[in-house]
Amino acid sequence: MIDERDLWRSPASTIPPIGNLILHSCGNARQWILSGIGDKIDNRDRDQEFVLQTNIKKSELIFLLQNLRVNLRQTIEDMDPKSIDKMHLIQGFEVSGFSMLIHVIEHFSYHTGQITTLTKWLTNKNTDYYGDIDLNKLNKLN
């Protein structure tokens, strides 16, 4: 478990702390999916996502992630199937709705890996994402 103060710590000035990685990942998903596909207003300030925000508490970051999940789910459920092929201009890139979805999945995954590494560095513990599941077992259908 990450302590409140550890959200804003990093081993080097070139590595964003966990709090900033969460702000950045949420900003990216809002811009590309909620604004891009969902046609919501894009008010993202990307540079601000990398400024230390030590006044933001862990509970607020959790709320931000939970709120984003709800809004992403709703946007995708409401999405017109034709949006997959529709072209959009996001951050200067001309991309299809499908590419936008893949981008956000990839982007979130990348930063989740960074958060995992920082968590291990800060706590000196495994994250134990899979608990007691033996991932070395071979699974077969049939």
N, C-alpha and C. Protein backbone atom coordinates (compact mmCIF):
# COMPACT_ATOMS: atom_id res chain seq x y z
N MET A 1 0.84 -1.17 0.00
CA MET A 1 0.00 0.00 0.00
C MET A 1 0.90 1.24 0.00
N ILE A 2 0.57 2.17 -0.83
CA ILE A 2 1.34 3.40 -0.94
C ILE A 2 0.87 4.42 0.10
N ASP A 3 1.81 5.00 0.80
CA ASP A 3 1.50 6.07 1.75
C ASP A 3 1.19 7.35 0.99
N GLU A 4 0.46 8.23 1.64
CA GLU A 4 0.09 9.52 1.05
C GLU A 4 1.32 10.27 0.52
N ARG A 5 2.36 10.34 1.31
CA ARG A 5 3.57 11.09 0.91
C ARG A 5 4.30 10.43 -0.25
N ASP A 6 4.17 9.11 -0.38
CA ASP A 6 4.87 8.39 -1.44
C ASP A 6 4.26 8.60 -2.83
N LEU A 7 3.03 9.09 -2.88
CA LEU A 7 2.39 9.35 -4.17
C LEU A 7 3.19 10.35 -5.00
N TRP A 8 3.93 11.19 -4.34
CA TRP A 8 4.62 12.29 -5.02
C TRP A 8 6.14 12.15 -4.95
N ARG A 9 6.62 10.93 -4.64
CA ARG A 9 8.06 10.67 -4.59
C ARG A 9 8.50 9.93 -5.84
N SER A 10 9.76 10.15 -6.21
CA SER A 10 10.32 9.49 -7.38
C SER A 10 11.83 9.34 -7.18
N PRO A 11 12.41 8.30 -7.78
CA PRO A 11 13.86 8.11 -7.62
C PRO A 11 14.70 9.10 -8.43
N ALA A 12 14.09 9.80 -9.37
CA ALA A 12 14.84 10.75 -10.21
C ALA A 12 13.89 11.81 -10.77
N SER A 13 14.43 12.97 -11.06
CA SER A 13 13.60 14.06 -11.56
C SER A 13 13.01 13.76 -12.94
N THR A 14 13.59 12.82 -13.65
CA THR A 14 13.09 12.46 -14.98
C THR A 14 12.00 11.39 -14.94
N ILE A 15 11.69 10.89 -13.74
CA ILE A 15 10.67 9.85 -13.58
C ILE A 15 9.48 10.45 -12.84
N PRO A 16 8.32 10.54 -13.49
CA PRO A 16 7.17 11.11 -12.81
C PRO A 16 6.72 10.21 -11.65
N PRO A 17 6.32 10.80 -10.53
CA PRO A 17 5.81 10.00 -9.42
C PRO A 17 4.43 9.43 -9.73
N ILE A 18 4.00 8.50 -8.89
CA ILE A 18 2.73 7.81 -9.09
C ILE A 18 1.57 8.78 -9.26
N GLY A 19 1.49 9.79 -8.42
CA GLY A 19 0.39 10.76 -8.51
C GLY A 19 0.31 11.41 -9.88
N ASN A 20 1.46 11.80 -10.41
CA ASN A 20 1.47 12.43 -11.74
C ASN A 20 1.14 11.43 -12.84
N LEU A 21 1.58 10.19 -12.69
CA LEU A 21 1.27 9.17 -13.68
C LEU A 21 -0.24 8.91 -13.73
N ILE A 22 -0.88 8.95 -12.57
CA ILE A 22 -2.34 8.78 -12.54
C ILE A 22 -3.03 9.98 -13.19
N LEU A 23 -2.61 11.19 -12.84
CA LEU A 23 -3.20 12.39 -13.46
C LEU A 23 -3.01 12.36 -14.98
N HIS A 24 -1.82 11.99 -15.41
CA HIS A 24 -1.51 11.95 -16.83
C HIS A 24 -2.33 10.88 -17.57
N SER A 25 -2.42 9.70 -16.99
CA SER A 25 -3.19 8.62 -17.62
C SER A 25 -4.66 8.99 -17.73
N CYS A 26 -5.19 9.60 -16.70
CA CYS A 26 -6.60 10.03 -16.73
C CYS A 26 -6.80 11.14 -17.76
N GLY A 27 -5.87 12.08 -17.83
CA GLY A 27 -5.97 13.16 -18.80
C GLY A 27 -5.95 12.62 -20.22
N ASN A 28 -5.09 11.66 -20.48
CA ASN A 28 -4.99 11.05 -21.80
C ASN A 28 -6.29 10.34 -22.18
N ALA A 29 -6.82 9.55 -21.26
CA ALA A 29 -8.06 8.80 -21.54
C ALA A 29 -9.24 9.75 -21.74
N ARG A 30 -9.30 10.81 -20.94
CA ARG A 30 -10.38 11.79 -21.12
C ARG A 30 -10.28 12.44 -22.49
N GLN A 31 -9.06 12.85 -22.88
CA GLN A 31 -8.90 13.54 -24.16
C GLN A 31 -9.22 12.62 -25.34
N TRP A 32 -8.67 11.43 -25.32
CA TRP A 32 -8.80 10.53 -26.48
C TRP A 32 -10.16 9.85 -26.56
N ILE A 33 -10.75 9.47 -25.43
CA ILE A 33 -12.02 8.74 -25.47
C ILE A 33 -13.20 9.64 -25.16
N LEU A 34 -13.20 10.29 -24.00
CA LEU A 34 -14.37 11.09 -23.63
C LEU A 34 -14.56 12.27 -24.58
N SER A 35 -13.46 12.94 -24.90
CA SER A 35 -13.56 14.09 -25.83
C SER A 35 -13.54 13.62 -27.28
N GLY A 36 -12.62 12.74 -27.59
CA GLY A 36 -12.46 12.30 -28.98
C GLY A 36 -13.64 11.52 -29.51
N ILE A 37 -13.99 10.45 -28.82
CA ILE A 37 -15.10 9.61 -29.26
C ILE A 37 -16.43 10.12 -28.71
N GLY A 38 -16.41 10.58 -27.46
CA GLY A 38 -17.64 11.00 -26.80
C GLY A 38 -18.05 12.43 -27.05
N ASP A 39 -17.23 13.17 -27.78
CA ASP A 39 -17.53 14.57 -28.14
C ASP A 39 -17.72 15.49 -26.93
N LYS A 40 -17.10 15.14 -25.80
CA LYS A 40 -17.12 16.03 -24.63
C LYS A 40 -16.09 17.14 -24.84
N ILE A 41 -16.21 18.21 -24.12
CA ILE A 41 -15.27 19.32 -24.24
C ILE A 41 -13.88 18.86 -23.80
N ASP A 42 -12.88 19.20 -24.59
CA ASP A 42 -11.49 18.85 -24.28
C ASP A 42 -10.84 20.05 -23.58
N ASN A 43 -10.68 19.93 -22.27
CA ASN A 43 -10.06 21.01 -21.51
C ASN A 43 -8.75 20.53 -20.86
N ARG A 44 -8.11 19.59 -21.50
CA ARG A 44 -6.90 19.00 -20.94
C ARG A 44 -5.75 20.01 -20.95
N ASP A 45 -5.02 20.03 -19.84
CA ASP A 45 -3.78 20.80 -19.73
C ASP A 45 -2.67 19.78 -19.44
N ARG A 46 -2.14 19.18 -20.49
CA ARG A 46 -1.20 18.08 -20.37
C ARG A 46 0.02 18.44 -19.51
N ASP A 47 0.57 19.62 -19.70
CA ASP A 47 1.75 20.02 -18.93
C ASP A 47 1.47 20.02 -17.42
N GLN A 48 0.25 20.40 -17.05
CA GLN A 48 -0.12 20.47 -15.63
C GLN A 48 -0.13 19.08 -14.99
N GLU A 49 -0.33 18.05 -15.80
CA GLU A 49 -0.36 16.68 -15.28
C GLU A 49 0.99 16.24 -14.71
N PHE A 50 2.05 16.95 -15.08
CA PHE A 50 3.40 16.58 -14.64
C PHE A 50 3.95 17.52 -13.56
N VAL A 51 3.12 18.46 -13.11
CA VAL A 51 3.50 19.34 -12.01
C VAL A 51 3.14 18.64 -10.71
N LEU A 52 4.05 18.63 -9.74
CA LEU A 52 3.75 18.00 -8.46
C LEU A 52 2.51 18.63 -7.85
N GLN A 53 1.56 17.80 -7.46
CA GLN A 53 0.28 18.26 -6.90
C GLN A 53 0.12 17.66 -5.51
N THR A 54 1.05 17.94 -4.62
CA THR A 54 1.08 17.30 -3.31
C THR A 54 -0.17 17.58 -2.47
N ASN A 55 -0.98 18.53 -2.89
CA ASN A 55 -2.24 18.81 -2.20
C ASN A 55 -3.33 17.80 -2.57
N ILE A 56 -3.11 17.04 -3.63
CA ILE A 56 -4.09 16.03 -4.04
C ILE A 56 -3.84 14.77 -3.21
N LYS A 57 -4.88 14.29 -2.55
CA LYS A 57 -4.80 13.13 -1.66
C LYS A 57 -5.06 11.84 -2.43
N LYS A 58 -4.63 10.75 -1.82
CA LYS A 58 -4.82 9.43 -2.43
C LYS A 58 -6.30 9.16 -2.69
N SER A 59 -7.17 9.52 -1.76
CA SER A 59 -8.61 9.30 -1.94
C SER A 59 -9.14 10.05 -3.15
N GLU A 60 -8.57 11.21 -3.44
CA GLU A 60 -9.01 11.99 -4.61
C GLU A 60 -8.54 11.34 -5.91
N LEU A 61 -7.35 10.75 -5.89
CA LEU A 61 -6.87 10.04 -7.08
C LEU A 61 -7.69 8.78 -7.33
N ILE A 62 -8.05 8.10 -6.26
CA ILE A 62 -8.91 6.92 -6.39
C ILE A 62 -10.26 7.32 -6.97
N PHE A 63 -10.83 8.41 -6.46
CA PHE A 63 -12.10 8.90 -6.99
C PHE A 63 -11.97 9.26 -8.47
N LEU A 64 -10.88 9.91 -8.82
CA LEU A 64 -10.64 10.29 -10.22
C LEU A 64 -10.63 9.05 -11.12
N LEU A 65 -9.95 8.00 -10.70
CA LEU A 65 -9.89 6.76 -11.48
C LEU A 65 -11.26 6.08 -11.56
N GLN A 66 -11.97 6.04 -10.45
CA GLN A 66 -13.30 5.41 -10.45
C GLN A 66 -14.27 6.19 -11.33
N ASN A 67 -14.23 7.50 -11.25
CA ASN A 67 -15.08 8.35 -12.08
C ASN A 67 -14.75 8.18 -13.56
N LEU A 68 -13.46 8.11 -13.86
CA LEU A 68 -13.04 7.90 -15.24
C LEU A 68 -13.57 6.57 -15.76
N ARG A 69 -13.47 5.51 -14.95
CA ARG A 69 -13.96 4.20 -15.37
C ARG A 69 -15.44 4.27 -15.72
N VAL A 70 -16.24 4.91 -14.88
CA VAL A 70 -17.67 5.04 -15.14
C VAL A 70 -17.92 5.80 -16.44
N ASN A 71 -17.21 6.91 -16.62
CA ASN A 71 -17.40 7.72 -17.83
C ASN A 71 -16.91 7.02 -19.09
N LEU A 72 -15.81 6.30 -19.00
CA LEU A 72 -15.32 5.54 -20.16
C LEU A 72 -16.32 4.46 -20.55
N ARG A 73 -16.80 3.72 -19.56
CA ARG A 73 -17.78 2.66 -19.84
C ARG A 73 -19.01 3.24 -20.52
N GLN A 74 -19.52 4.35 -19.98
CA GLN A 74 -20.72 4.95 -20.55
C GLN A 74 -20.47 5.45 -21.98
N THR A 75 -19.33 6.07 -22.19
CA THR A 75 -19.00 6.58 -23.52
C THR A 75 -18.90 5.45 -24.53
N ILE A 76 -18.28 4.36 -24.14
CA ILE A 76 -18.13 3.22 -25.05
C ILE A 76 -19.47 2.54 -25.30
N GLU A 77 -20.29 2.42 -24.26
CA GLU A 77 -21.63 1.83 -24.44
C GLU A 77 -22.49 2.69 -25.36
N ASP A 78 -22.36 4.01 -25.26
CA ASP A 78 -23.16 4.93 -26.06
C ASP A 78 -22.58 5.16 -27.46
N MET A 79 -21.40 4.66 -27.71
CA MET A 79 -20.69 4.94 -28.95
C MET A 79 -21.44 4.37 -30.16
N ASP A 80 -21.59 5.19 -31.17
CA ASP A 80 -22.14 4.74 -32.44
C ASP A 80 -21.12 3.80 -33.07
N PRO A 81 -21.53 2.60 -33.49
CA PRO A 81 -20.57 1.66 -34.09
C PRO A 81 -19.78 2.25 -35.26
N LYS A 82 -20.35 3.24 -35.94
CA LYS A 82 -19.64 3.88 -37.05
C LYS A 82 -18.45 4.71 -36.57
N SER A 83 -18.42 5.02 -35.26
CA SER A 83 -17.31 5.80 -34.69
C SER A 83 -15.98 5.06 -34.77
N ILE A 84 -16.03 3.75 -34.89
CA ILE A 84 -14.80 2.95 -34.96
C ILE A 84 -13.99 3.35 -36.19
N ASP A 85 -14.67 3.64 -37.29
CA ASP A 85 -13.97 4.00 -38.53
C ASP A 85 -13.82 5.50 -38.73
N LYS A 86 -14.57 6.29 -37.98
CA LYS A 86 -14.53 7.74 -38.14
C LYS A 86 -13.14 8.27 -37.76
N MET A 87 -12.65 9.22 -38.53
CA MET A 87 -11.34 9.82 -38.27
C MET A 87 -11.50 11.03 -37.35
N HIS A 88 -10.53 11.17 -36.46
CA HIS A 88 -10.51 12.26 -35.48
C HIS A 88 -9.12 12.88 -35.48
N LEU A 89 -9.04 14.13 -35.09
CA LEU A 89 -7.75 14.80 -34.93
C LEU A 89 -7.51 14.97 -33.43
N ILE A 90 -6.53 14.24 -32.89
CA ILE A 90 -6.19 14.27 -31.47
C ILE A 90 -4.70 14.54 -31.34
N GLN A 91 -4.34 15.56 -30.61
CA GLN A 91 -2.94 15.93 -30.38
C GLN A 91 -2.14 16.01 -31.69
N GLY A 92 -2.79 16.45 -32.73
CA GLY A 92 -2.12 16.59 -34.02
C GLY A 92 -2.08 15.31 -34.85
N PHE A 93 -2.64 14.21 -34.33
CA PHE A 93 -2.65 12.94 -35.05
C PHE A 93 -4.04 12.70 -35.63
N GLU A 94 -4.08 12.26 -36.87
CA GLU A 94 -5.35 11.87 -37.48
C GLU A 94 -5.50 10.37 -37.29
N VAL A 95 -6.48 9.99 -36.47
CA VAL A 95 -6.63 8.58 -36.09
C VAL A 95 -8.10 8.17 -36.12
N SER A 96 -8.31 6.88 -36.32
CA SER A 96 -9.67 6.33 -36.31
C SER A 96 -10.11 6.10 -34.87
N GLY A 97 -11.41 5.91 -34.69
CA GLY A 97 -11.93 5.58 -33.36
C GLY A 97 -11.29 4.32 -32.82
N PHE A 98 -11.09 3.34 -33.69
CA PHE A 98 -10.43 2.09 -33.27
C PHE A 98 -9.03 2.37 -32.76
N SER A 99 -8.27 3.17 -33.49
CA SER A 99 -6.91 3.52 -33.07
C SER A 99 -6.91 4.27 -31.75
N MET A 100 -7.93 5.09 -31.54
CA MET A 100 -8.02 5.84 -30.29
C MET A 100 -8.21 4.90 -29.10
N LEU A 101 -9.07 3.90 -29.27
CA LEU A 101 -9.29 2.93 -28.20
C LEU A 101 -8.01 2.15 -27.89
N ILE A 102 -7.33 1.69 -28.94
CA ILE A 102 -6.09 0.94 -28.76
C ILE A 102 -5.03 1.83 -28.10
N HIS A 103 -4.95 3.08 -28.53
CA HIS A 103 -3.97 4.01 -27.96
C HIS A 103 -4.16 4.14 -26.44
N VAL A 104 -5.40 4.33 -26.01
CA VAL A 104 -5.65 4.53 -24.59
C VAL A 104 -5.35 3.26 -23.80
N ILE A 105 -5.70 2.11 -24.34
CA ILE A 105 -5.37 0.84 -23.67
C ILE A 105 -3.86 0.70 -23.52
N GLU A 106 -3.15 0.95 -24.60
CA GLU A 106 -1.69 0.83 -24.59
C GLU A 106 -1.06 1.85 -23.65
N HIS A 107 -1.55 3.07 -23.69
CA HIS A 107 -1.01 4.16 -22.89
C HIS A 107 -1.22 3.88 -21.40
N PHE A 108 -2.43 3.45 -21.05
CA PHE A 108 -2.74 3.14 -19.66
C PHE A 108 -1.89 1.97 -19.17
N SER A 109 -1.74 0.98 -20.02
CA SER A 109 -0.94 -0.20 -19.66
C SER A 109 0.51 0.17 -19.40
N TYR A 110 1.06 1.00 -20.25
CA TYR A 110 2.45 1.44 -20.11
C TYR A 110 2.66 2.14 -18.76
N HIS A 111 1.79 3.08 -18.45
CA HIS A 111 1.95 3.83 -17.20
C HIS A 111 1.59 2.98 -15.97
N THR A 112 0.72 2.00 -16.13
CA THR A 112 0.44 1.07 -15.04
C THR A 112 1.71 0.30 -14.69
N GLY A 113 2.48 -0.07 -15.70
CA GLY A 113 3.77 -0.73 -15.45
C GLY A 113 4.72 0.17 -14.69
N GLN A 114 4.75 1.44 -15.04
CA GLN A 114 5.59 2.39 -14.31
C GLN A 114 5.13 2.53 -12.86
N ILE A 115 3.82 2.60 -12.66
CA ILE A 115 3.28 2.71 -11.30
C ILE A 115 3.63 1.46 -10.50
N THR A 116 3.56 0.31 -11.13
CA THR A 116 3.92 -0.94 -10.46
C THR A 116 5.39 -0.92 -10.04
N THR A 117 6.26 -0.50 -10.93
CA THR A 117 7.70 -0.43 -10.61
C THR A 117 7.96 0.55 -9.47
N LEU A 118 7.33 1.72 -9.53
CA LEU A 118 7.50 2.70 -8.45
C LEU A 118 6.95 2.17 -7.13
N THR A 119 5.84 1.47 -7.18
CA THR A 119 5.27 0.89 -5.96
C THR A 119 6.24 -0.11 -5.34
N LYS A 120 6.82 -0.96 -6.17
CA LYS A 120 7.80 -1.93 -5.66
C LYS A 120 9.03 -1.21 -5.10
N TRP A 121 9.47 -0.16 -5.75
CA TRP A 121 10.62 0.61 -5.28
C TRP A 121 10.32 1.27 -3.94
N LEU A 122 9.12 1.84 -3.82
CA LEU A 122 8.76 2.57 -2.59
C LEU A 122 8.48 1.64 -1.41
N THR A 123 7.89 0.48 -1.67
CA THR A 123 7.46 -0.39 -0.58
C THR A 123 8.37 -1.59 -0.36
N ASN A 124 9.21 -1.89 -1.35
CA ASN A 124 10.06 -3.08 -1.32
C ASN A 124 9.22 -4.35 -1.14
N LYS A 125 8.02 -4.35 -1.77
CA LYS A 125 7.11 -5.49 -1.71
C LYS A 125 6.60 -5.80 -3.12
N ASN A 126 6.23 -7.06 -3.33
CA ASN A 126 5.55 -7.43 -4.56
C ASN A 126 4.13 -6.88 -4.54
N THR A 127 3.60 -6.61 -5.69
CA THR A 127 2.23 -6.11 -5.77
C THR A 127 1.22 -7.23 -5.61
N ASP A 128 1.62 -8.45 -5.89
CA ASP A 128 0.77 -9.62 -5.69
C ASP A 128 -0.56 -9.48 -6.43
N TYR A 129 -0.50 -9.01 -7.67
CA TYR A 129 -1.71 -8.80 -8.45
C TYR A 129 -2.55 -10.07 -8.60
N TYR A 130 -1.89 -11.21 -8.70
CA TYR A 130 -2.61 -12.45 -8.95
C TYR A 130 -2.79 -13.31 -7.70
N GLY A 131 -2.40 -12.80 -6.55
CA GLY A 131 -2.63 -13.49 -5.30
C GLY A 131 -2.11 -14.91 -5.30
N ASP A 132 -2.99 -15.84 -5.00
CA ASP A 132 -2.62 -17.24 -4.88
C ASP A 132 -2.77 -18.03 -6.18
N ILE A 133 -3.01 -17.36 -7.28
CA ILE A 133 -3.18 -18.05 -8.56
C ILE A 133 -1.82 -18.48 -9.09
N ASP A 134 -1.71 -19.74 -9.46
CA ASP A 134 -0.47 -20.26 -10.04
C ASP A 134 -0.49 -19.97 -11.55
N LEU A 135 0.27 -18.99 -11.97
CA LEU A 135 0.28 -18.60 -13.38
C LEU A 135 1.14 -19.53 -14.23
N ASN A 136 1.79 -20.49 -13.61
CA ASN A 136 2.62 -21.44 -14.35
C ASN A 136 1.83 -22.67 -14.79
N LYS A 137 0.58 -22.77 -14.39
CA LYS A 137 -0.27 -23.90 -14.82
C LYS A 137 -0.65 -23.70 -16.28
N LEU A 138 -0.68 -24.79 -16.99
CA LEU A 138 -1.16 -24.77 -18.36
C LEU A 138 -2.67 -24.95 -18.35
N ASN A 139 -3.36 -24.09 -19.04
CA ASN A 139 -4.81 -24.20 -19.15
C ASN A 139 -5.15 -24.66 -20.54
N LYS A 140 -6.05 -25.62 -20.62
CA LYS A 140 -6.50 -26.13 -21.92
C LYS A 140 -8.00 -26.21 -21.92
N LEU A 141 -8.57 -25.85 -23.04
CA LEU A 141 -9.99 -26.08 -23.27
C LEU A 141 -10.11 -27.43 -23.94
N ASN A 142 -11.08 -28.19 -23.56
CA ASN A 142 -11.34 -29.54 -24.11
C ASN A 142 -10.49 -30.57 -23.43
